[in-house]
Amino acid sequence: MITSASRTALRRSIAQTATIRVEGLRASSAWAHVQQGPPDAILGITEAFKADKHPEKINLGVGAYRDDKGKPYVLPSVRSAESKVVQSNLDKEYAGITGVPDFTKAAALLAYGPDSAAISEGRVAITQSISGTGALRIGGAFFQRFWPSKAIYIPTPSWANHKAVFSDCGLEVKQYRYYNKDTIGLDFDGMVEDIKNMPKGSVVLLHACAHNPTGVDPTEEQWRAISDAVKQGGHYPFFDMAYQGFASGDTNKDAFAVRHFIKEGHGIALSQSFAKNMVR
């Protein structure tokens, strides 16, 4: 006969056995060695902002327009575009392997300009991705697979995802001088010198405008000199343009570097994101 005390002891024994077995399964799992990724520094600022009870706190984390109450501010132009999309009653057709043709064509015109010879001559190959990070990942994988050099140079500092994405693509991530903390400006001479000293045929990542995280951009004259240095080294420029129109308020002015490099005969890769300028 099993007494009440015996039942209790048996349940405890079964529970402990089950726990031991579960823990054993976890330890022997093929995924047991997978480590949690490091926290995102920018999103960490946002979490700290939410937890702060100070009535006059300001969020200096994620770059997005906000109103006087700290709430996201959606531009009237974005509201209007959103309304037009809803009213157009789209049929939800598959986008296709390389994206929605009308969208990719419009994106190219915004980046390269309506008078771009590269577009009119059919020299631009476009594929739609999941935002700028997806575009960087596709571009990085493409270079790793097909470009002779397996090294990519990014500015110091640069957006944290650049190193993570390109390293995951199998590229060797190196850096060139960019920001001078003493002058709180561009280390132009150091940047050009480093570009000239790179091994021939290197991939060089350039922020087209509104450099992240410093906000420091070359002048048009400096961009011309940077273009010359890149051409001299036979390097391949890879532009990241996530803030077109946000740096100066003029989409054409912010696309100067991209358009100048094309005009000068460079073949370029462009990661073009609308997560900021077309959503916020």
C-alpha atoms as a PDB file:
ATOM      1  CA  MET A   1       0.000   0.000   0.000  1.00  0.00           C
ATOM      2  CA  ILE A   2       1.267   3.519  -0.894  1.00  0.00           C
ATOM      3  CA  THR A   3       0.736   6.062   1.829  1.00  0.00           C
ATOM      4  CA  SER A   4       0.222   9.778   1.315  1.00  0.00           C
ATOM      5  CA  ALA A   5       3.799  10.420   2.415  1.00  0.00           C
ATOM      6  CA  SER A   6       5.034   7.800  -0.042  1.00  0.00           C
ATOM      7  CA  ARG A   7       3.101   9.412  -2.888  1.00  0.00           C
ATOM      8  CA  THR A   8       4.661  12.782  -2.062  1.00  0.00           C
ATOM      9  CA  ALA A   9       8.153  11.301  -2.000  1.00  0.00           C
ATOM     10  CA  LEU A  10       7.504   9.496  -5.287  1.00  0.00           C
ATOM     11  CA  ARG A  11       6.287  12.675  -6.982  1.00  0.00           C
ATOM     12  CA  ARG A  12       9.402  14.512  -5.802  1.00  0.00           C
ATOM     13  CA  SER A  13      11.608  11.725  -7.100  1.00  0.00           C
ATOM     14  CA  ILE A  14       9.881  11.737 -10.489  1.00  0.00           C
ATOM     15  CA  ALA A  15      10.081  15.524 -10.698  1.00  0.00           C
ATOM     16  CA  GLN A  16      13.774  15.497  -9.858  1.00  0.00           C
ATOM     17  CA  THR A  17      14.411  12.770 -12.404  1.00  0.00           C
ATOM     18  CA  ALA A  18      12.523  14.737 -15.037  1.00  0.00           C
ATOM     19  CA  THR A  19      14.503  17.831 -14.202  1.00  0.00           C
ATOM     20  CA  ILE A  20      17.772  15.949 -14.424  1.00  0.00           C
ATOM     21  CA  ARG A  21      16.773  14.470 -17.769  1.00  0.00           C
ATOM     22  CA  VAL A  22      15.721  17.837 -19.150  1.00  0.00           C
ATOM     23  CA  GLU A  23      18.949  19.467 -18.037  1.00  0.00           C
ATOM     24  CA  GLY A  24      20.838  16.551 -19.533  1.00  0.00           C
ATOM     25  CA  LEU A  25      19.070  17.062 -22.837  1.00  0.00           C
ATOM     26  CA  ARG A  26      19.916  20.757 -22.775  1.00  0.00           C
ATOM     27  CA  ALA A  27      23.576  20.053 -22.086  1.00  0.00           C
ATOM     28  CA  SER A  28      23.810  17.556 -24.957  1.00  0.00           C
ATOM     29  CA  SER A  29      21.856  19.725 -27.435  1.00  0.00           C
ATOM     30  CA  ALA A  30      23.537  20.617 -30.711  1.00  0.00           C
ATOM     31  CA  TRP A  31      22.710  24.240 -29.874  1.00  0.00           C
ATOM     32  CA  ALA A  32      24.202  24.259 -26.363  1.00  0.00           C
ATOM     33  CA  HIS A  33      27.319  26.083 -27.595  1.00  0.00           C
ATOM     34  CA  VAL A  34      25.338  28.977 -29.126  1.00  0.00           C
ATOM     35  CA  GLN A  35      26.026  32.126 -27.136  1.00  0.00           C
ATOM     36  CA  GLN A  36      23.649  35.051 -26.790  1.00  0.00           C
ATOM     37  CA  GLY A  37      24.671  37.967 -28.986  1.00  0.00           C
ATOM     38  CA  PRO A  38      25.902  41.204 -27.407  1.00  0.00           C
ATOM     39  CA  PRO A  39      23.255  43.835 -26.627  1.00  0.00           C
ATOM     40  CA  ASP A  40      22.779  46.647 -29.114  1.00  0.00           C
ATOM     41  CA  ALA A  41      24.278  49.826 -27.669  1.00  0.00           C
ATOM     42  CA  ILE A  42      21.743  52.164 -29.294  1.00  0.00           C
ATOM     43  CA  LEU A  43      18.708  50.120 -28.289  1.00  0.00           C
ATOM     44  CA  GLY A  44      20.218  49.877 -24.814  1.00  0.00           C
ATOM     45  CA  ILE A  45      20.030  53.665 -24.608  1.00  0.00           C
ATOM     46  CA  THR A  46      16.352  53.475 -25.535  1.00  0.00           C
ATOM     47  CA  GLU A  47      15.691  50.946 -22.786  1.00  0.00           C
ATOM     48  CA  ALA A  48      17.491  53.164 -20.265  1.00  0.00           C
ATOM     49  CA  PHE A  49      15.404  56.113 -21.485  1.00  0.00           C
ATOM     50  CA  LYS A  50      12.169  54.198 -20.884  1.00  0.00           C
ATOM     51  CA  ALA A  51      13.250  53.249 -17.380  1.00  0.00           C
ATOM     52  CA  ASP A  52      14.289  56.798 -16.417  1.00  0.00           C
ATOM     53  CA  LYS A  53      11.587  58.644 -14.436  1.00  0.00           C
ATOM     54  CA  HIS A  54      13.003  62.145 -14.937  1.00  0.00           C
ATOM     55  CA  PRO A  55      10.277  64.421 -16.374  1.00  0.00           C
ATOM     56  CA  GLU A  56      12.661  66.235 -18.731  1.00  0.00           C
ATOM     57  CA  LYS A  57      14.525  63.234 -20.141  1.00  0.00           C
ATOM     58  CA  ILE A  58      15.529  63.237 -23.836  1.00  0.00           C
ATOM     59  CA  ASN A  59      16.112  60.157 -25.976  1.00  0.00           C
ATOM     60  CA  LEU A  60      19.386  60.490 -27.903  1.00  0.00           C
ATOM     61  CA  GLY A  61      19.325  56.910 -29.131  1.00  0.00           C
ATOM     62  CA  VAL A  62      17.580  55.789 -32.310  1.00  0.00           C
ATOM     63  CA  GLY A  63      17.595  58.509 -34.965  1.00  0.00           C
ATOM     64  CA  ALA A  64      13.956  59.400 -35.550  1.00  0.00           C
ATOM     65  CA  TYR A  65      11.893  62.573 -35.547  1.00  0.00           C
ATOM     66  CA  ARG A  66      10.001  63.125 -32.290  1.00  0.00           C
ATOM     67  CA  ASP A  67       7.518  65.724 -31.111  1.00  0.00           C
ATOM     68  CA  ASP A  68       7.759  67.881 -27.978  1.00  0.00           C
ATOM     69  CA  LYS A  69       6.317  65.028 -25.914  1.00  0.00           C
ATOM     70  CA  GLY A  70       8.989  62.599 -27.089  1.00  0.00           C
ATOM     71  CA  LYS A  71       6.595  60.628 -29.262  1.00  0.00           C
ATOM     72  CA  PRO A  72       7.509  59.549 -32.814  1.00  0.00           C
ATOM     73  CA  TYR A  73       6.589  62.241 -35.337  1.00  0.00           C
ATOM     74  CA  VAL A  74       5.388  60.944 -38.681  1.00  0.00           C
ATOM     75  CA  LEU A  75       6.021  63.414 -41.495  1.00  0.00           C
ATOM     76  CA  PRO A  76       2.894  64.698 -43.301  1.00  0.00           C
ATOM     77  CA  SER A  77       4.391  63.497 -46.588  1.00  0.00           C
ATOM     78  CA  VAL A  78       4.663  59.998 -45.161  1.00  0.00           C
ATOM     79  CA  ARG A  79       1.044  60.144 -43.942  1.00  0.00           C
ATOM     80  CA  SER A  80      -0.032  61.218 -47.432  1.00  0.00           C
ATOM     81  CA  ALA A  81       1.951  58.429 -49.106  1.00  0.00           C
ATOM     82  CA  GLU A  82       0.558  55.898 -46.665  1.00  0.00           C
ATOM     83  CA  SER A  83      -2.988  57.010 -47.484  1.00  0.00           C
ATOM     84  CA  LYS A  84      -2.331  56.701 -51.222  1.00  0.00           C
ATOM     85  CA  VAL A  85      -1.012  53.156 -50.780  1.00  0.00           C
ATOM     86  CA  VAL A  86      -4.109  52.108 -48.839  1.00  0.00           C
ATOM     87  CA  GLN A  87      -6.477  53.751 -51.346  1.00  0.00           C
ATOM     88  CA  SER A  88      -4.755  52.138 -54.327  1.00  0.00           C
ATOM     89  CA  ASN A  89      -6.161  48.771 -53.227  1.00  0.00           C
ATOM     90  CA  LEU A  90      -3.090  46.744 -54.226  1.00  0.00           C
ATOM     91  CA  ASP A  91      -3.583  43.126 -55.255  1.00  0.00           C
ATOM     92  CA  LYS A  92      -0.801  41.692 -53.024  1.00  0.00           C
ATOM     93  CA  GLU A  93       0.926  39.989 -55.944  1.00  0.00           C
ATOM     94  CA  TYR A  94       4.320  38.381 -55.376  1.00  0.00           C
ATOM     95  CA  ALA A  95       7.079  40.965 -55.669  1.00  0.00           C
ATOM     96  CA  GLY A  96       9.426  38.759 -57.677  1.00  0.00           C
ATOM     97  CA  ILE A  97      12.952  37.593 -56.963  1.00  0.00           C
ATOM     98  CA  THR A  98      14.580  41.029 -57.197  1.00  0.00           C
ATOM     99  CA  GLY A  99      11.679  43.067 -55.822  1.00  0.00           C
ATOM    100  CA  VAL A 100       8.906  45.297 -57.158  1.00  0.00           C
ATOM    101  CA  PRO A 101      10.132  46.748 -60.495  1.00  0.00           C
ATOM    102  CA  ASP A 102       8.403  50.114 -60.076  1.00  0.00           C
ATOM    103  CA  PHE A 103       9.900  50.493 -56.612  1.00  0.00           C
ATOM    104  CA  THR A 104      13.468  49.558 -57.549  1.00  0.00           C
ATOM    105  CA  LYS A 105      13.330  51.830 -60.604  1.00  0.00           C
ATOM    106  CA  ALA A 106      12.149  54.776 -58.480  1.00  0.00           C
ATOM    107  CA  ALA A 107      14.821  54.027 -55.868  1.00  0.00           C
ATOM    108  CA  ALA A 108      17.544  54.108 -58.517  1.00  0.00           C
ATOM    109  CA  LEU A 109      16.289  57.428 -59.885  1.00  0.00           C
ATOM    110  CA  LEU A 110      16.307  58.923 -56.381  1.00  0.00           C
ATOM    111  CA  ALA A 111      19.877  57.796 -55.780  1.00  0.00           C
ATOM    112  CA  TYR A 112      21.473  58.331 -59.193  1.00  0.00           C
ATOM    113  CA  GLY A 113      19.289  61.142 -60.525  1.00  0.00           C
ATOM    114  CA  PRO A 114      16.988  61.242 -63.577  1.00  0.00           C
ATOM    115  CA  ASP A 115      19.863  62.175 -65.922  1.00  0.00           C
ATOM    116  CA  SER A 116      22.148  59.333 -64.834  1.00  0.00           C
ATOM    117  CA  ALA A 117      23.981  57.719 -67.743  1.00  0.00           C
ATOM    118  CA  ALA A 118      24.367  54.542 -65.686  1.00  0.00           C
ATOM    119  CA  ILE A 119      20.572  54.150 -65.645  1.00  0.00           C
ATOM    120  CA  SER A 120      19.906  55.184 -69.239  1.00  0.00           C
ATOM    121  CA  GLU A 121      22.602  52.816 -70.477  1.00  0.00           C
ATOM    122  CA  GLY A 122      21.244  49.912 -68.433  1.00  0.00           C
ATOM    123  CA  ARG A 123      24.367  49.515 -66.293  1.00  0.00           C
ATOM    124  CA  VAL A 124      22.567  49.304 -62.946  1.00  0.00           C
ATOM    125  CA  ALA A 125      21.558  45.935 -61.466  1.00  0.00           C
ATOM    126  CA  ILE A 126      19.133  46.248 -58.543  1.00  0.00           C
ATOM    127  CA  THR A 127      17.674  43.857 -56.025  1.00  0.00           C
ATOM    128  CA  GLN A 128      15.257  44.746 -53.237  1.00  0.00           C
ATOM    129  CA  SER A 129      16.172  43.670 -49.716  1.00  0.00           C
ATOM    130  CA  ILE A 130      14.900  43.844 -46.167  1.00  0.00           C
ATOM    131  CA  SER A 131      16.016  47.378 -45.317  1.00  0.00           C
ATOM    132  CA  GLY A 132      19.588  48.614 -45.268  1.00  0.00           C
ATOM    133  CA  THR A 133      20.990  45.764 -43.187  1.00  0.00           C
ATOM    134  CA  GLY A 134      19.703  43.259 -45.718  1.00  0.00           C
ATOM    135  CA  ALA A 135      21.266  45.249 -48.555  1.00  0.00           C
ATOM    136  CA  LEU A 136      24.614  45.355 -46.747  1.00  0.00           C
ATOM    137  CA  ARG A 137      24.454  41.615 -46.153  1.00  0.00           C
ATOM    138  CA  ILE A 138      23.722  40.872 -49.812  1.00  0.00           C
ATOM    139  CA  GLY A 139      26.457  43.246 -50.948  1.00  0.00           C
ATOM    140  CA  GLY A 140      28.982  41.817 -48.522  1.00  0.00           C
ATOM    141  CA  ALA A 141      28.224  38.243 -49.588  1.00  0.00           C
ATOM    142  CA  PHE A 142      28.515  39.251 -53.249  1.00  0.00           C
ATOM    143  CA  PHE A 143      31.957  40.800 -52.720  1.00  0.00           C
ATOM    144  CA  GLN A 144      33.106  37.825 -50.665  1.00  0.00           C
ATOM    145  CA  ARG A 145      32.087  35.432 -53.425  1.00  0.00           C
ATOM    146  CA  PHE A 146      33.144  37.318 -56.537  1.00  0.00           C
ATOM    147  CA  TRP A 147      35.595  40.161 -55.750  1.00  0.00           C
ATOM    148  CA  PRO A 148      39.320  39.274 -55.634  1.00  0.00           C
ATOM    149  CA  SER A 149      40.012  41.127 -52.375  1.00  0.00           C
ATOM    150  CA  LYS A 150      38.323  39.682 -49.294  1.00  0.00           C
ATOM    151  CA  ALA A 151      38.960  42.753 -47.143  1.00  0.00           C
ATOM    152  CA  ILE A 152      36.607  45.673 -46.627  1.00  0.00           C
ATOM    153  CA  TYR A 153      37.623  48.947 -45.018  1.00  0.00           C
ATOM    154  CA  ILE A 154      35.141  50.853 -42.862  1.00  0.00           C
ATOM    155  CA  PRO A 155      35.570  54.279 -41.218  1.00  0.00           C
ATOM    156  CA  THR A 156      36.620  54.770 -37.596  1.00  0.00           C
ATOM    157  CA  PRO A 157      34.066  54.875 -36.098  1.00  0.00           C
ATOM    158  CA  SER A 158      31.243  53.357 -38.115  1.00  0.00           C
ATOM    159  CA  TRP A 159      27.799  51.931 -37.543  1.00  0.00           C
ATOM    160  CA  ALA A 160      28.229  48.906 -35.253  1.00  0.00           C
ATOM    161  CA  ASN A 161      26.355  46.599 -37.635  1.00  0.00           C
ATOM    162  CA  HIS A 162      28.899  47.146 -40.398  1.00  0.00           C
ATOM    163  CA  LYS A 163      31.601  45.070 -38.714  1.00  0.00           C
ATOM    164  CA  ALA A 164      29.147  42.388 -37.620  1.00  0.00           C
ATOM    165  CA  VAL A 165      27.479  42.036 -41.024  1.00  0.00           C
ATOM    166  CA  PHE A 166      30.658  42.021 -43.106  1.00  0.00           C
ATOM    167  CA  SER A 167      32.478  39.671 -40.728  1.00  0.00           C
ATOM    168  CA  ASP A 168      29.556  37.270 -40.971  1.00  0.00           C
ATOM    169  CA  CYS A 169      29.893  37.450 -44.771  1.00  0.00           C
ATOM    170  CA  GLY A 170      33.420  36.132 -44.444  1.00  0.00           C
ATOM    171  CA  LEU A 171      35.126  39.427 -45.228  1.00  0.00           C
ATOM    172  CA  GLU A 172      38.099  40.704 -43.256  1.00  0.00           C
ATOM    173  CA  VAL A 173      36.988  44.008 -41.750  1.00  0.00           C
ATOM    174  CA  LYS A 174      39.643  46.703 -41.485  1.00  0.00           C
ATOM    175  CA  GLN A 175      39.399  50.402 -40.695  1.00  0.00           C
ATOM    176  CA  TYR A 176      40.553  53.752 -41.995  1.00  0.00           C
ATOM    177  CA  ARG A 177      40.796  57.055 -40.156  1.00  0.00           C
ATOM    178  CA  TYR A 178      37.697  59.232 -40.333  1.00  0.00           C
ATOM    179  CA  TYR A 179      36.746  61.164 -37.182  1.00  0.00           C
ATOM    180  CA  ASN A 180      39.079  63.492 -35.340  1.00  0.00           C
ATOM    181  CA  LYS A 181      37.843  63.796 -31.773  1.00  0.00           C
ATOM    182  CA  ASP A 182      40.179  66.722 -31.087  1.00  0.00           C
ATOM    183  CA  THR A 183      38.646  68.916 -33.791  1.00  0.00           C
ATOM    184  CA  ILE A 184      35.219  67.239 -33.610  1.00  0.00           C
ATOM    185  CA  GLY A 185      35.403  66.965 -37.371  1.00  0.00           C
ATOM    186  CA  LEU A 186      36.650  64.928 -40.297  1.00  0.00           C
ATOM    187  CA  ASP A 187      40.213  63.619 -40.279  1.00  0.00           C
ATOM    188  CA  PHE A 188      40.391  64.267 -44.005  1.00  0.00           C
ATOM    189  CA  ASP A 189      44.151  63.990 -44.421  1.00  0.00           C
ATOM    190  CA  GLY A 190      44.254  60.762 -42.417  1.00  0.00           C
ATOM    191  CA  MET A 191      41.347  59.317 -44.387  1.00  0.00           C
ATOM    192  CA  VAL A 192      42.907  60.028 -47.781  1.00  0.00           C
ATOM    193  CA  GLU A 193      46.307  58.781 -46.639  1.00  0.00           C
ATOM    194  CA  ASP A 194      44.798  55.501 -45.425  1.00  0.00           C
ATOM    195  CA  ILE A 195      42.868  55.022 -48.679  1.00  0.00           C
ATOM    196  CA  LYS A 196      46.063  55.538 -50.666  1.00  0.00           C
ATOM    197  CA  ASN A 197      47.881  52.980 -48.497  1.00  0.00           C
ATOM    198  CA  MET A 198      45.251  50.250 -48.839  1.00  0.00           C
ATOM    199  CA  PRO A 199      46.176  47.187 -50.911  1.00  0.00           C
ATOM    200  CA  LYS A 200      45.158  47.693 -54.530  1.00  0.00           C
ATOM    201  CA  GLY A 201      41.594  46.640 -55.281  1.00  0.00           C
ATOM    202  CA  SER A 202      40.254  46.883 -51.729  1.00  0.00           C
ATOM    203  CA  VAL A 203      36.558  47.416 -50.997  1.00  0.00           C
ATOM    204  CA  VAL A 204      35.973  50.754 -49.242  1.00  0.00           C
ATOM    205  CA  LEU A 205      32.754  51.418 -47.362  1.00  0.00           C
ATOM    206  CA  LEU A 206      31.668  55.066 -47.505  1.00  0.00           C
ATOM    207  CA  HIS A 207      28.743  56.762 -45.763  1.00  0.00           C
ATOM    208  CA  ALA A 208      27.054  58.777 -48.521  1.00  0.00           C
ATOM    209  CA  CYS A 209      25.694  61.394 -46.090  1.00  0.00           C
ATOM    210  CA  ALA A 210      24.835  61.887 -42.412  1.00  0.00           C
ATOM    211  CA  HIS A 211      27.700  59.683 -41.248  1.00  0.00           C
ATOM    212  CA  ASN A 212      26.612  57.291 -38.520  1.00  0.00           C
ATOM    213  CA  PRO A 213      27.426  57.777 -35.669  1.00  0.00           C
ATOM    214  CA  THR A 214      29.316  61.100 -35.911  1.00  0.00           C
ATOM    215  CA  GLY A 215      27.181  63.121 -38.356  1.00  0.00           C
ATOM    216  CA  VAL A 216      30.405  64.458 -39.879  1.00  0.00           C
ATOM    217  CA  ASP A 217      30.448  64.460 -43.700  1.00  0.00           C
ATOM    218  CA  PRO A 218      33.106  65.450 -46.241  1.00  0.00           C
ATOM    219  CA  THR A 219      32.516  68.610 -48.252  1.00  0.00           C
ATOM    220  CA  GLU A 220      31.930  68.303 -52.010  1.00  0.00           C
ATOM    221  CA  GLU A 221      35.550  69.318 -52.618  1.00  0.00           C
ATOM    222  CA  GLN A 222      36.737  66.640 -50.184  1.00  0.00           C
ATOM    223  CA  TRP A 223      34.519  64.036 -51.844  1.00  0.00           C
ATOM    224  CA  ARG A 224      36.247  64.815 -55.148  1.00  0.00           C
ATOM    225  CA  ALA A 225      39.645  64.192 -53.548  1.00  0.00           C
ATOM    226  CA  ILE A 226      38.381  60.977 -51.928  1.00  0.00           C
ATOM    227  CA  SER A 227      37.115  59.819 -55.316  1.00  0.00           C
ATOM    228  CA  ASP A 228      40.544  60.461 -56.819  1.00  0.00           C
ATOM    229  CA  ALA A 229      42.257  58.476 -54.042  1.00  0.00           C
ATOM    230  CA  VAL A 230      39.862  55.543 -54.465  1.00  0.00           C
ATOM    231  CA  LYS A 231      40.401  55.563 -58.242  1.00  0.00           C
ATOM    232  CA  GLN A 232      44.172  55.778 -57.848  1.00  0.00           C
ATOM    233  CA  GLY A 233      44.146  52.621 -55.715  1.00  0.00           C
ATOM    234  CA  GLY A 234      41.803  50.734 -57.998  1.00  0.00           C
ATOM    235  CA  HIS A 235      39.463  50.281 -55.029  1.00  0.00           C
ATOM    236  CA  TYR A 236      35.777  49.453 -55.186  1.00  0.00           C
ATOM    237  CA  PRO A 237      33.508  51.951 -53.357  1.00  0.00           C
ATOM    238  CA  PHE A 238      30.569  50.511 -51.419  1.00  0.00           C
ATOM    239  CA  PHE A 239      28.199  53.307 -50.362  1.00  0.00           C
ATOM    240  CA  ASP A 240      25.794  53.038 -47.444  1.00  0.00           C
ATOM    241  CA  MET A 241      23.054  55.657 -47.896  1.00  0.00           C
ATOM    242  CA  ALA A 242      20.466  55.448 -45.138  1.00  0.00           C
ATOM    243  CA  TYR A 243      19.723  59.148 -44.638  1.00  0.00           C
ATOM    244  CA  GLN A 244      19.308  60.675 -48.096  1.00  0.00           C
ATOM    245  CA  GLY A 245      17.538  64.000 -47.599  1.00  0.00           C
ATOM    246  CA  PHE A 246      18.129  64.069 -43.847  1.00  0.00           C
ATOM    247  CA  ALA A 247      21.619  65.572 -43.856  1.00  0.00           C
ATOM    248  CA  SER A 248      20.807  68.738 -45.811  1.00  0.00           C
ATOM    249  CA  GLY A 249      17.069  68.523 -46.427  1.00  0.00           C
ATOM    250  CA  ASP A 250      17.789  68.053 -50.146  1.00  0.00           C
ATOM    251  CA  THR A 251      17.828  64.529 -51.595  1.00  0.00           C
ATOM    252  CA  ASN A 252      19.888  65.672 -54.581  1.00  0.00           C
ATOM    253  CA  LYS A 253      22.540  67.361 -52.469  1.00  0.00           C
ATOM    254  CA  ASP A 254      22.806  64.348 -50.166  1.00  0.00           C
ATOM    255  CA  ALA A 255      23.369  62.084 -53.186  1.00  0.00           C
ATOM    256  CA  PHE A 256      26.345  64.151 -54.389  1.00  0.00           C
ATOM    257  CA  ALA A 257      29.019  61.599 -53.471  1.00  0.00           C
ATOM    258  CA  VAL A 258      27.212  58.700 -55.156  1.00  0.00           C
ATOM    259  CA  ARG A 259      26.568  60.676 -58.343  1.00  0.00           C
ATOM    260  CA  HIS A 260      30.072  62.150 -58.449  1.00  0.00           C
ATOM    261  CA  PHE A 261      31.721  58.734 -58.155  1.00  0.00           C
ATOM    262  CA  ILE A 262      29.578  57.397 -61.003  1.00  0.00           C
ATOM    263  CA  LYS A 263      30.339  60.464 -63.109  1.00  0.00           C
ATOM    264  CA  GLU A 264      34.050  59.846 -62.524  1.00  0.00           C
ATOM    265  CA  GLY A 265      33.746  56.332 -63.932  1.00  0.00           C
ATOM    266  CA  HIS A 266      33.688  54.305 -60.719  1.00  0.00           C
ATOM    267  CA  GLY A 267      31.721  51.111 -60.545  1.00  0.00           C
ATOM    268  CA  ILE A 268      29.936  51.348 -57.195  1.00  0.00           C
ATOM    269  CA  ALA A 269      27.805  49.239 -54.900  1.00  0.00           C
ATOM    270  CA  LEU A 270      25.023  51.038 -53.051  1.00  0.00           C
ATOM    271  CA  SER A 271      23.065  49.994 -49.997  1.00  0.00           C
ATOM    272  CA  GLN A 272      20.045  52.307 -50.065  1.00  0.00           C
ATOM    273  CA  SER A 273      17.662  52.343 -47.111  1.00  0.00           C
ATOM    274  CA  PHE A 274      14.335  54.129 -46.630  1.00  0.00           C
ATOM    275  CA  ALA A 275      13.807  53.088 -43.018  1.00  0.00           C
ATOM    276  CA  LYS A 276      14.501  56.655 -41.900  1.00  0.00           C
ATOM    277  CA  ASN A 277      13.556  59.107 -44.629  1.00  0.00           C
ATOM    278  CA  MET A 278      10.414  57.347 -45.917  1.00  0.00           C
ATOM    279  CA  VAL A 279       8.997  56.011 -42.653  1.00  0.00           C
ATOM    280  CA  ARG A 280       9.710  58.496 -39.906  1.00  0.00           C
END
